[in-house]
Amino acid sequence: MKAWSRWQDWVTLVAGIYAALSPIWVDGASGAAASLIVLGVLIALTSLVSLAKPGTVATEWLNALWGVLLFVAPWAITYTEGQGASWTSWVVGVVTVVLSLTAVPASRAAHREAAQH
């Protein structure tokens, strides 16, 4: 697998950037701003590493973890009353988890291929 070619990582990169910037335009993000920014940046950075080094399986699992944390953040940090911030967390979290987990097999295959050469 070539670097910078996996579509799942590109989508999670955009989702992470969206989450990180969402406090600018999302209603009810005042209490959620820190979690949206931090987890969004973590998702974006991990996606960049996955894009640059497609055989790094750990980055896919890390992105899945960040997605789960973002999904549960509205309840854990209690900003469910902010509809925009909550929905941003839930949607970006689910997208990140699903796409990261679907990229694990391809990442494992790239890792095995790199190890053989």
C-alpha atoms as a PDB file:
ATOM      1  CA  MET A   1       0.000   0.000   0.000  1.00  0.00           C
ATOM      2  CA  LYS A   2       1.304   3.407  -0.925  1.00  0.00           C
ATOM      3  CA  ALA A   3       1.575   6.244   1.559  1.00  0.00           C
ATOM      4  CA  TRP A   4      -1.107   8.936   1.387  1.00  0.00           C
ATOM      5  CA  SER A   5      -3.549   6.683  -0.465  1.00  0.00           C
ATOM      6  CA  ARG A   6      -5.946   5.109   2.051  1.00  0.00           C
ATOM      7  CA  TRP A   7      -9.320   6.849   1.849  1.00  0.00           C
ATOM      8  CA  GLN A   8     -10.340   5.900   5.409  1.00  0.00           C
ATOM      9  CA  ASP A   9      -7.422   7.886   6.813  1.00  0.00           C
ATOM     10  CA  TRP A  10      -8.270  10.899   4.662  1.00  0.00           C
ATOM     11  CA  VAL A  11     -11.867  10.866   5.919  1.00  0.00           C
ATOM     12  CA  THR A  12     -10.795  10.537   9.564  1.00  0.00           C
ATOM     13  CA  LEU A  13      -8.300  13.363   9.028  1.00  0.00           C
ATOM     14  CA  VAL A  14     -11.091  15.634   7.783  1.00  0.00           C
ATOM     15  CA  ALA A  15     -13.378  14.478  10.618  1.00  0.00           C
ATOM     16  CA  GLY A  16     -10.674  15.248  13.192  1.00  0.00           C
ATOM     17  CA  ILE A  17     -10.074  18.702  11.745  1.00  0.00           C
ATOM     18  CA  TYR A  18     -13.828  19.321  11.721  1.00  0.00           C
ATOM     19  CA  ALA A  19     -14.126  18.308  15.384  1.00  0.00           C
ATOM     20  CA  ALA A  20     -11.140  20.454  16.387  1.00  0.00           C
ATOM     21  CA  LEU A  21     -12.524  23.531  14.629  1.00  0.00           C
ATOM     22  CA  SER A  22     -16.192  22.938  15.454  1.00  0.00           C
ATOM     23  CA  PRO A  23     -16.263  25.095  18.618  1.00  0.00           C
ATOM     24  CA  ILE A  24     -16.016  28.070  16.253  1.00  0.00           C
ATOM     25  CA  TRP A  25     -19.433  27.443  14.679  1.00  0.00           C
ATOM     26  CA  VAL A  26     -21.251  24.789  16.742  1.00  0.00           C
ATOM     27  CA  ASP A  27     -23.909  25.853  19.244  1.00  0.00           C
ATOM     28  CA  GLY A  28     -23.399  24.696  22.812  1.00  0.00           C
ATOM     29  CA  ALA A  29     -19.692  24.072  22.412  1.00  0.00           C
ATOM     30  CA  SER A  30     -18.523  26.249  25.295  1.00  0.00           C
ATOM     31  CA  GLY A  31     -18.295  23.359  27.783  1.00  0.00           C
ATOM     32  CA  ALA A  32     -17.283  20.948  25.057  1.00  0.00           C
ATOM     33  CA  ALA A  33     -14.587  23.024  23.410  1.00  0.00           C
ATOM     34  CA  ALA A  34     -11.630  21.411  25.160  1.00  0.00           C
ATOM     35  CA  SER A  35     -12.676  17.833  24.420  1.00  0.00           C
ATOM     36  CA  LEU A  36     -13.621  18.623  20.821  1.00  0.00           C
ATOM     37  CA  ILE A  37     -10.334  20.409  20.184  1.00  0.00           C
ATOM     38  CA  VAL A  38      -8.059  17.915  21.938  1.00  0.00           C
ATOM     39  CA  LEU A  39      -9.675  14.762  20.571  1.00  0.00           C
ATOM     40  CA  GLY A  40     -10.095  16.313  17.124  1.00  0.00           C
ATOM     41  CA  VAL A  41      -6.400  17.182  17.007  1.00  0.00           C
ATOM     42  CA  LEU A  42      -5.467  13.678  18.219  1.00  0.00           C
ATOM     43  CA  ILE A  43      -7.640  12.107  15.513  1.00  0.00           C
ATOM     44  CA  ALA A  44      -6.140  14.366  12.839  1.00  0.00           C
ATOM     45  CA  LEU A  45      -2.543  13.732  13.941  1.00  0.00           C
ATOM     46  CA  THR A  46      -3.039   9.985  14.181  1.00  0.00           C
ATOM     47  CA  SER A  47      -4.656  10.006  10.733  1.00  0.00           C
ATOM     48  CA  LEU A  48      -1.661  11.862   9.321  1.00  0.00           C
ATOM     49  CA  VAL A  49       0.684   9.224  10.735  1.00  0.00           C
ATOM     50  CA  SER A  50      -1.519   6.484   9.249  1.00  0.00           C
ATOM     51  CA  LEU A  51      -1.424   8.205   5.881  1.00  0.00           C
ATOM     52  CA  ALA A  52       2.350   8.645   5.950  1.00  0.00           C
ATOM     53  CA  LYS A  53       3.070   5.136   7.263  1.00  0.00           C
ATOM     54  CA  PRO A  54       0.217   2.853   6.183  1.00  0.00           C
ATOM     55  CA  GLY A  55       1.735  -0.208   7.864  1.00  0.00           C
ATOM     56  CA  THR A  56       1.498   1.233  11.361  1.00  0.00           C
ATOM     57  CA  VAL A  57      -1.392  -0.774  12.776  1.00  0.00           C
ATOM     58  CA  ALA A  58      -1.290   0.941  16.177  1.00  0.00           C
ATOM     59  CA  THR A  59      -2.439   4.230  14.665  1.00  0.00           C
ATOM     60  CA  GLU A  60      -5.679   2.650  13.491  1.00  0.00           C
ATOM     61  CA  TRP A  61      -6.360   1.317  16.984  1.00  0.00           C
ATOM     62  CA  LEU A  62      -5.463   4.682  18.514  1.00  0.00           C
ATOM     63  CA  ASN A  63      -7.872   6.454  16.200  1.00  0.00           C
ATOM     64  CA  ALA A  64     -10.588   3.987  17.191  1.00  0.00           C
ATOM     65  CA  LEU A  65      -9.852   4.795  20.844  1.00  0.00           C
ATOM     66  CA  TRP A  66      -9.997   8.560  20.205  1.00  0.00           C
ATOM     67  CA  GLY A  67     -13.313   8.028  18.399  1.00  0.00           C
ATOM     68  CA  VAL A  68     -14.776   6.101  21.337  1.00  0.00           C
ATOM     69  CA  LEU A  69     -13.617   8.797  23.757  1.00  0.00           C
ATOM     70  CA  LEU A  70     -15.145  11.497  21.562  1.00  0.00           C
ATOM     71  CA  PHE A  71     -18.409   9.548  21.361  1.00  0.00           C
ATOM     72  CA  VAL A  72     -18.755   9.211  25.156  1.00  0.00           C
ATOM     73  CA  ALA A  73     -17.486  12.737  25.905  1.00  0.00           C
ATOM     74  CA  PRO A  74     -20.947  14.406  25.912  1.00  0.00           C
ATOM     75  CA  TRP A  75     -22.021  12.163  28.780  1.00  0.00           C
ATOM     76  CA  ALA A  76     -18.685  12.048  30.598  1.00  0.00           C
ATOM     77  CA  ILE A  77     -18.087  15.791  30.445  1.00  0.00           C
ATOM     78  CA  THR A  78     -21.821  16.559  30.653  1.00  0.00           C
ATOM     79  CA  TYR A  79     -22.426  18.696  27.607  1.00  0.00           C
ATOM     80  CA  THR A  80     -25.376  16.740  26.223  1.00  0.00           C
ATOM     81  CA  GLU A  81     -27.541  19.856  26.512  1.00  0.00           C
ATOM     82  CA  GLY A  82     -25.452  21.462  23.766  1.00  0.00           C
ATOM     83  CA  GLN A  83     -27.075  19.777  20.782  1.00  0.00           C
ATOM     84  CA  GLY A  84     -24.535  20.908  18.189  1.00  0.00           C
ATOM     85  CA  ALA A  85     -21.516  19.911  20.254  1.00  0.00           C
ATOM     86  CA  SER A  86     -23.084  16.594  21.261  1.00  0.00           C
ATOM     87  CA  TRP A  87     -24.011  15.633  17.718  1.00  0.00           C
ATOM     88  CA  THR A  88     -20.574  16.642  16.480  1.00  0.00           C
ATOM     89  CA  SER A  89     -18.998  14.357  19.096  1.00  0.00           C
ATOM     90  CA  TRP A  90     -21.297  11.469  18.320  1.00  0.00           C
ATOM     91  CA  VAL A  91     -21.052  11.640  14.527  1.00  0.00           C
ATOM     92  CA  VAL A  92     -17.300  12.253  14.356  1.00  0.00           C
ATOM     93  CA  GLY A  93     -16.753   9.583  17.010  1.00  0.00           C
ATOM     94  CA  VAL A  94     -18.739   6.935  15.126  1.00  0.00           C
ATOM     95  CA  VAL A  95     -17.181   7.834  11.765  1.00  0.00           C
ATOM     96  CA  THR A  96     -13.697   7.640  13.277  1.00  0.00           C
ATOM     97  CA  VAL A  97     -14.283   4.294  14.993  1.00  0.00           C
ATOM     98  CA  VAL A  98     -15.920   2.639  11.996  1.00  0.00           C
ATOM     99  CA  LEU A  99     -13.370   3.836   9.446  1.00  0.00           C
ATOM    100  CA  SER A 100     -10.391   3.110  11.682  1.00  0.00           C
ATOM    101  CA  LEU A 101     -11.564  -0.431  12.297  1.00  0.00           C
ATOM    102  CA  THR A 102     -12.210  -1.002   8.591  1.00  0.00           C
ATOM    103  CA  ALA A 103      -8.632   0.151   7.883  1.00  0.00           C
ATOM    104  CA  VAL A 104      -7.032  -2.321  10.325  1.00  0.00           C
ATOM    105  CA  PRO A 105      -6.897  -5.274   7.871  1.00  0.00           C
ATOM    106  CA  ALA A 106      -5.282  -3.144   5.153  1.00  0.00           C
ATOM    107  CA  SER A 107      -2.837  -1.732   7.665  1.00  0.00           C
ATOM    108  CA  ARG A 108      -1.920  -5.223   8.857  1.00  0.00           C
ATOM    109  CA  ALA A 109      -1.376  -6.340   5.265  1.00  0.00           C
ATOM    110  CA  ALA A 110       0.865  -3.327   4.601  1.00  0.00           C
ATOM    111  CA  HIS A 111       2.791  -4.098   7.778  1.00  0.00           C
ATOM    112  CA  ARG A 112       3.317  -7.735   6.738  1.00  0.00           C
ATOM    113  CA  GLU A 113       4.374  -6.666   3.241  1.00  0.00           C
ATOM    114  CA  ALA A 114       6.884  -4.163   4.645  1.00  0.00           C
ATOM    115  CA  ALA A 115       8.268  -6.779   7.038  1.00  0.00           C
ATOM    116  CA  GLN A 116       8.879  -9.235   4.192  1.00  0.00           C
ATOM    117  CA  HIS A 117      10.964  -6.775   2.176  1.00  0.00           C
END
